[in-house]
Each structure stands twice: as C-alpha cells, then as structure tokens.
Protein backbone atom coordinates (compact mmCIF):
# COMPACT_ATOMS: atom_id res chain seq x y z
CA MET A 1 -7.25 11.64 22.87
CA GLN A 2 -8.28 13.85 19.98
CA LYS A 3 -11.60 13.56 18.19
CA LEU A 4 -11.67 12.50 14.55
CA ILE A 5 -14.03 15.33 13.65
CA ASP A 6 -11.22 17.77 14.60
CA SER A 7 -9.45 16.77 11.38
CA ALA A 8 -12.37 17.81 9.12
CA PRO A 9 -11.26 21.46 8.65
CA LEU A 10 -7.66 20.31 8.14
CA LEU A 11 -8.67 17.88 5.40
CA ARG A 12 -10.56 20.60 3.53
CA HIS A 13 -7.31 22.42 2.64
CA ASN A 14 -6.25 21.67 -0.92
CA GLY A 15 -3.71 18.88 -1.05
CA ALA A 16 -4.07 18.08 2.69
CA LEU A 17 -2.74 14.78 3.99
CA GLY A 18 -3.08 13.40 7.50
CA VAL A 19 -2.85 10.36 9.73
CA LEU A 20 -5.82 9.26 11.80
CA PRO A 21 -7.32 6.14 13.35
CA THR A 22 -9.80 4.51 10.96
CA ASP A 23 -12.26 1.75 11.79
CA THR A 24 -9.34 -0.69 11.58
CA ILE A 25 -5.77 0.62 11.82
CA TYR A 26 -4.13 4.03 11.48
CA GLY A 27 -4.63 5.39 8.00
CA LEU A 28 -2.79 7.91 5.88
CA VAL A 29 -5.74 9.86 4.47
CA ALA A 30 -6.64 12.45 1.84
CA ARG A 31 -9.99 13.60 0.47
CA ALA A 32 -10.73 11.33 -2.49
CA ALA A 33 -12.18 14.21 -4.53
CA ASP A 34 -8.95 16.23 -4.09
CA LYS A 35 -6.68 15.08 -6.93
CA ALA A 36 -3.60 16.90 -5.57
CA ALA A 37 -4.05 15.32 -2.12
CA ALA A 38 -4.54 11.81 -3.56
CA GLU A 39 -1.45 12.13 -5.75
CA ARG A 40 0.51 13.42 -2.76
CA LEU A 41 -0.59 10.40 -0.70
CA TYR A 42 0.80 8.01 -3.32
CA VAL A 43 4.10 9.91 -3.44
CA VAL A 44 4.48 9.91 0.37
CA LYS A 45 3.65 6.18 0.48
CA SER A 46 6.03 5.41 -2.43
CA ARG A 47 3.16 3.55 -4.08
CA GLU A 48 3.05 3.15 -7.82
CA ASN A 49 0.18 1.31 -9.47
CA LYS A 50 -1.16 0.14 -6.11
CA PRO A 51 -4.32 2.08 -5.29
CA GLY A 52 -5.40 2.75 -1.72
CA THR A 53 -8.90 2.16 -0.33
CA ILE A 54 -11.82 4.60 -0.53
CA ILE A 55 -13.88 4.88 2.65
CA ALA A 56 -17.23 6.68 2.64
CA SER A 57 -20.26 7.21 4.85
CA SER A 58 -22.74 5.91 2.28
CA LEU A 59 -23.29 4.44 -1.19
CA GLU A 60 -24.49 7.91 -2.24
CA GLN A 61 -21.11 9.44 -1.39
CA LEU A 62 -19.35 6.79 -3.48
CA GLU A 63 -21.71 7.44 -6.38
CA GLU A 64 -21.14 11.20 -6.12
CA LEU A 65 -17.42 10.47 -6.40
CA GLY A 66 -18.14 8.72 -9.71
CA LEU A 67 -18.46 5.02 -8.87
CA LYS A 68 -21.23 3.12 -10.64
CA HIS A 69 -24.47 2.41 -8.76
CA ARG A 70 -24.81 -1.12 -10.17
CA TYR A 71 -21.43 -2.24 -8.80
CA LEU A 72 -22.07 -0.70 -5.38
CA LYS A 73 -25.60 -2.11 -5.13
CA ALA A 74 -24.25 -5.60 -5.84
CA VAL A 75 -21.99 -5.51 -2.77
CA GLU A 76 -23.86 -3.28 -0.31
CA GLN A 77 -24.77 -6.29 1.88
CA PHE A 78 -21.16 -6.33 3.12
CA TRP A 79 -21.49 -2.89 4.74
CA PRO A 80 -21.14 -1.20 7.10
CA GLY A 81 -18.05 -2.94 8.41
CA ALA A 82 -14.33 -3.51 8.06
CA LEU A 83 -14.66 -5.23 4.70
CA SER A 84 -13.29 -3.61 1.55
CA VAL A 85 -14.65 -4.73 -1.82
CA ILE A 86 -12.79 -4.21 -5.08
CA ILE A 87 -15.20 -2.91 -7.71
CA PRO A 88 -14.66 -1.89 -11.35
CA CYS A 89 -13.84 1.77 -11.93
CA ALA A 90 -13.10 2.58 -15.55
CA ASP A 91 -13.87 6.31 -15.27
CA PRO A 92 -10.84 8.12 -16.76
CA SER A 93 -11.51 11.12 -14.51
CA LEU A 94 -10.74 8.87 -11.51
CA SER A 95 -7.45 7.49 -12.88
CA TYR A 96 -5.62 9.55 -10.25
CA LEU A 97 -7.27 7.25 -7.66
CA HIS A 98 -7.17 3.85 -9.38
CA CYS A 99 -3.69 4.36 -10.90
CA GLY A 100 -4.67 2.69 -14.18
CA LYS A 101 -5.93 -0.48 -12.48
CA MET A 102 -9.55 0.27 -13.51
CA SER A 103 -10.77 -0.87 -10.09
CA LEU A 104 -10.88 0.44 -6.54
CA ALA A 105 -11.25 -1.06 -3.08
CA VAL A 106 -14.14 0.65 -1.27
CA ARG A 107 -15.82 0.30 2.11
CA ILE A 108 -18.40 1.91 4.36
CA PRO A 109 -17.13 1.76 7.95
CA ALA A 110 -19.44 1.09 10.90
CA ASP A 111 -17.45 3.26 13.34
CA LYS A 112 -19.73 6.13 14.39
CA GLU A 113 -16.98 8.73 14.88
CA LEU A 114 -15.46 7.92 11.50
CA GLN A 115 -18.92 8.08 9.92
CA GLU A 116 -19.38 11.57 11.38
CA LEU A 117 -16.07 12.68 9.86
CA LEU A 118 -16.88 11.17 6.44
CA LYS A 119 -20.25 12.93 6.34
CA THR A 120 -18.34 16.20 6.70
CA THR A 121 -15.34 15.54 4.42
CA GLY A 122 -16.79 13.23 1.80
CA PRO A 123 -15.01 9.99 0.82
CA LEU A 124 -11.41 9.59 1.92
CA LEU A 125 -8.60 7.80 0.14
CA THR A 126 -6.72 5.82 2.78
CA SER A 127 -3.65 3.62 2.99
CA SER A 128 -1.87 1.95 5.88
CA VAL A 129 0.69 4.03 7.78
CA ASN A 130 3.98 2.42 6.81
CA HIS A 131 6.60 2.22 4.11
CA PRO A 132 6.46 -0.73 1.67
CA GLY A 133 7.43 -3.95 3.43
CA GLU A 134 7.32 -2.39 6.92
CA PRO A 135 4.74 -3.09 9.66
CA SER A 136 1.76 -0.74 9.99
CA ALA A 137 2.00 1.95 12.68
CA GLU A 138 0.09 1.07 15.84
CA THR A 139 0.59 4.46 17.54
CA VAL A 140 0.90 8.07 16.41
CA GLN A 141 4.51 8.04 17.59
CA GLN A 142 5.28 5.20 15.16
CA ALA A 143 3.38 7.05 12.42
CA LYS A 144 5.53 10.14 12.98
CA LYS A 145 8.67 8.02 12.64
CA TYR A 146 7.44 6.94 9.21
CA PHE A 147 6.22 10.25 7.85
CA GLY A 148 7.33 13.07 10.18
CA GLY A 149 6.63 16.43 8.54
CA GLU A 150 5.58 14.87 5.21
CA VAL A 151 1.95 14.98 6.38
CA ASP A 152 -0.02 17.98 7.64
CA PHE A 153 -1.55 16.56 10.81
CA TYR A 154 -1.80 13.55 13.11
CA ILE A 155 -4.88 12.57 15.15
CA ASP A 156 -3.94 10.43 18.14
CA GLY A 157 -6.38 7.57 18.68
CA GLY A 158 -4.19 5.76 21.20
CA ASP A 159 -2.52 2.37 20.82
CA LEU A 160 -4.23 0.35 18.07
CA SER A 161 -2.03 -2.73 18.43
CA GLY A 162 -4.03 -5.88 18.01
CA ARG A 163 -6.33 -4.30 15.42
CA GLN A 164 -6.33 -5.85 11.99
CA PRO A 165 -6.62 -4.13 8.61
CA SER A 166 -9.82 -4.54 6.65
CA THR A 167 -10.57 -7.76 4.85
CA ILE A 168 -10.36 -7.27 1.07
CA ILE A 169 -12.53 -9.25 -1.35
CA ARG A 170 -13.37 -9.21 -5.03
CA ILE A 171 -16.40 -10.71 -6.76
CA VAL A 172 -15.47 -12.81 -9.78
CA ASP A 173 -18.28 -14.50 -11.75
CA ASP A 174 -20.56 -14.41 -8.71
CA ALA A 175 -17.89 -16.06 -6.54
CA ILE A 176 -16.08 -14.28 -3.72
CA GLU A 177 -12.30 -14.17 -3.88
CA VAL A 178 -10.68 -13.23 -0.57
CA LEU A 179 -7.55 -11.19 -1.34
CA ARG A 180 -6.70 -10.42 2.29
CA GLN A 181 -8.25 -11.84 5.45
CA GLY A 182 -8.43 -9.08 8.03
CA ALA A 183 -10.81 -7.74 10.66
CA VAL A 184 -13.82 -9.58 9.18
CA LYS A 185 -13.51 -13.27 8.39
CA ILE A 186 -15.39 -14.20 5.26
CA ASP A 187 -15.77 -17.45 3.37
CA GLU A 188 -16.31 -18.10 -0.33
CA THR A 189 -20.07 -18.09 0.15
CA GLY A 190 -19.95 -14.51 1.40
CA ARG A 191 -20.78 -15.34 5.00
CA LYS A 192 -19.20 -12.95 7.47
CA HIS A 193 -17.65 -14.18 10.68
CA GLU A 194 -16.78 -11.22 12.94
CA VAL A 195 -13.62 -11.74 15.00
C-alpha cells in the first residue's frame, strides 16, 4: 500500500487532482488554495452548486484559507474527527470553492497519516469518488472505473468497504441540525457517539 505523503509533491502541481483514502472513504482531492484544481474537481465530478468538503490539519490552516475565526472557534469542539460542519463563507474570493452557496463544509481529521499530508499540502477540497447517484468507490480499482485518466494520480489505501462518509452538521440558532449521519453519530445536543 502506498503512503499518503507520497501524493504531496503531486498535489503541488497547478491544477492537480487525485484520489486518495481520507479519514473516511476515498476522496477526489485538490488543494483548496488552487483555484484551477478546485474548478477541475467540480467539472470531473459533474457537480454544479454543490460544494465539496474542506479538510485541514488545523483551525489555523482554515483561517489562512480565508475562513472566519469566529465561525471556526464556535465549532472546534467537534474536531478532530470524521465530522464535517457547515460554516458561513461569504468571502467572494472563495466563491470558486463554495459555488455561490456562501457556506462550506469543513473538518479536521484525526487520522495521523492524513494530518501529515495536510500539514504539507495545506487544506484540501475533497468529494466522494463517484458520479452523481452512484455508490462511492471502496477500492482504487472502482475509483479508476469512475475517473480513469481524468485525474492525475491514485493512492491505493486498500479496500475501504464498510467505512462511512463523514457526518455533516450545521448550527442553526444554537441548535445542531444533522444533514447526514455518517462515521460519527451525533444528536441534537451535540453529543458525539463514535461508531
């Protein structure tokens, strides 16, 4: 099996797009600060007006990308872990990431190997490895069937079947709205129940 850190130099190329195992499932990834790469990811995924998730090694990385400290500080108790939180993002310079939605799902993974990669590359924009309406790839072979030569590299992390995507929540008027139950079970009070 390949190491995640092997993809760091590949991701530094302008417009680079790859598939690698994240802390949850295989992800189609691009450096979040690379506008050409992010736009390419959305084209390959056939996603319009449906932003991906930003994963980072720390709150500081997310702030350097342009996300507001006050929104990140309000949800930092959920990290690290496989829980993505949708936060406001009205910065026009980041519209290539949020696709006009004025919000982004963000998370700080706990996986040590992924953390090491993120410290080197900076935040990554990620999306599940599939076409709309199709199941997510559980192996690199399935990922290649979806995207073939449309991406620049594949990192084989083995069979990830049985893994769930991240849980996605949003805070609305101090209440937690669960948009997708995934790898971390969470209730309306914000209590996490690892599965």
